[in-house]
Amino acid sequence: MSNHAPAEADDQYMAVQATPEFQALRKKFRGFVFPMTAFFLAWYFLYVLLSIFASDFMNKALFGKITIGLVFGLLQFVTTFAITFIYARWANRDLDPAADAVGATLDGQREH
């Protein structure tokens, strides 16, 4: 292995990052992840703010000792699992094939 291997690898990665395919992959990833993150954070902070400023509402019993706040708290977990499931399904269907194509481009450059 030569002393230039790390620099050559950096050049290859930079070249791949400059390709339209990589830029499309990055845009696709961000187009899904940023809105989903914004949704989750908004939902989480709504829960926190309601807990702080609308405690009477959150303490209302729905049935027995089950309150609105408890249900909303449990829905935080449900939302987290749902987002994880949705992301995994989306990534397998849409993101991974595009990432594999970009990776194949990089592998092809390494052989030369």
Protein backbone atom coordinates (compact mmCIF):
# COMPACT_ATOMS: atom_id res chain seq x y z
CA MET A 1 0.00 0.00 0.00
CA SER A 2 1.38 3.42 -0.92
CA ASN A 3 1.45 6.53 1.22
CA HIS A 4 -1.00 8.12 -1.22
CA ALA A 5 -3.85 5.67 -0.53
CA PRO A 6 -5.72 7.86 2.00
CA ALA A 7 -5.52 10.90 -0.29
CA GLU A 8 -6.72 8.84 -3.26
CA ALA A 9 -9.62 7.49 -1.22
CA ASP A 10 -10.56 11.03 -0.16
CA ASP A 11 -10.47 12.11 -3.80
CA GLN A 12 -12.72 9.20 -4.78
CA TYR A 13 -15.24 10.04 -2.07
CA MET A 14 -15.21 13.71 -3.03
CA ALA A 15 -15.76 12.77 -6.67
CA VAL A 16 -18.73 10.58 -5.75
CA GLN A 17 -20.20 13.33 -3.56
CA ALA A 18 -20.11 15.67 -6.55
CA THR A 19 -22.15 13.31 -8.77
CA PRO A 20 -25.79 14.06 -9.56
CA GLU A 21 -26.72 10.59 -8.26
CA PHE A 22 -25.23 11.30 -4.84
CA GLN A 23 -26.84 14.73 -4.70
CA ALA A 24 -30.21 13.16 -5.57
CA LEU A 25 -29.68 10.55 -2.85
CA ARG A 26 -28.86 13.24 -0.31
CA LYS A 27 -31.91 15.27 -1.36
CA LYS A 28 -34.15 12.19 -1.11
CA PHE A 29 -32.80 11.38 2.36
CA ARG A 30 -33.22 14.92 3.64
CA GLY A 31 -36.65 15.21 2.03
CA PHE A 32 -37.85 12.35 4.22
CA VAL A 33 -35.84 12.73 7.41
CA PHE A 34 -36.15 16.47 8.02
CA PRO A 35 -39.97 16.65 7.77
CA MET A 36 -40.35 13.47 9.82
CA THR A 37 -38.02 14.86 12.48
CA ALA A 38 -39.89 18.17 12.51
CA PHE A 39 -43.20 16.31 12.91
CA PHE A 40 -41.90 14.21 15.78
CA LEU A 41 -40.32 17.16 17.60
CA ALA A 42 -43.50 19.24 17.20
CA TRP A 43 -45.59 16.35 18.58
CA TYR A 44 -43.15 15.83 21.47
CA PHE A 45 -43.00 19.52 22.41
CA LEU A 46 -46.80 19.77 22.16
CA TYR A 47 -46.97 16.95 24.72
CA VAL A 48 -44.45 18.68 27.00
CA LEU A 49 -46.12 22.09 26.67
CA LEU A 50 -49.56 20.65 27.33
CA SER A 51 -48.15 18.92 30.41
CA ILE A 52 -46.79 22.22 31.67
CA PHE A 53 -49.46 24.73 30.65
CA ALA A 54 -52.62 22.64 30.32
CA SER A 55 -52.34 20.35 33.30
CA ASP A 56 -56.10 20.46 33.90
CA PHE A 57 -56.66 19.14 30.38
CA MET A 58 -53.93 16.51 30.68
CA ASN A 59 -55.29 15.35 34.06
CA LYS A 60 -58.80 14.69 32.75
CA ALA A 61 -59.74 11.08 33.26
CA LEU A 62 -60.84 9.23 30.16
CA PHE A 63 -61.82 6.07 32.03
CA GLY A 64 -60.84 4.97 35.50
CA LYS A 65 -57.43 6.41 36.34
CA ILE A 66 -56.38 6.67 32.68
CA THR A 67 -55.85 10.34 31.86
CA ILE A 68 -55.37 12.23 28.61
CA GLY A 69 -51.76 12.89 29.65
CA LEU A 70 -51.10 9.18 30.14
CA VAL A 71 -52.58 8.35 26.75
CA PHE A 72 -50.54 11.11 25.07
CA GLY A 73 -47.41 9.84 26.84
CA LEU A 74 -48.00 6.31 25.58
CA LEU A 75 -48.67 7.68 22.11
CA GLN A 76 -45.14 9.13 22.18
CA PHE A 77 -43.84 5.55 22.23
CA VAL A 78 -46.28 4.47 19.53
CA THR A 79 -45.19 7.40 17.37
CA THR A 80 -41.51 6.52 17.84
CA PHE A 81 -42.08 2.91 16.77
CA ALA A 82 -44.29 4.00 13.86
CA ILE A 83 -41.68 6.44 12.57
CA THR A 84 -39.00 3.78 12.85
CA PHE A 85 -41.16 1.30 10.93
CA ILE A 86 -42.07 3.87 8.25
CA TYR A 87 -38.42 4.91 7.84
CA ALA A 88 -37.18 1.32 7.57
CA ARG A 89 -39.82 0.48 4.97
CA TRP A 90 -39.12 3.66 3.00
CA ALA A 91 -35.35 3.17 3.16
CA ASN A 92 -35.58 -0.43 1.97
CA ARG A 93 -37.87 0.54 -0.90
CA ASP A 94 -36.52 3.93 -2.01
CA LEU A 95 -33.25 4.89 -0.38
CA ASP A 96 -31.22 1.68 -0.32
CA PRO A 97 -31.40 0.96 -4.07
CA ALA A 98 -30.18 4.49 -4.81
CA ALA A 99 -27.44 4.18 -2.18
CA ASP A 100 -26.38 0.83 -3.65
CA ALA A 101 -26.09 2.45 -7.07
CA VAL A 102 -23.91 5.24 -5.67
CA GLY A 103 -21.83 2.63 -3.82
CA ALA A 104 -21.37 0.66 -7.04
CA THR A 105 -20.10 3.85 -8.68
CA LEU A 106 -17.57 4.23 -5.90
CA ASP A 107 -16.55 0.58 -6.14
CA GLY A 108 -16.05 1.03 -9.87
CA GLN A 109 -13.77 4.00 -9.26
CA ARG A 110 -11.69 2.05 -6.73
CA GLU A 111 -10.90 -0.63 -9.30
CA HIS A 112 -9.30 1.90 -11.64
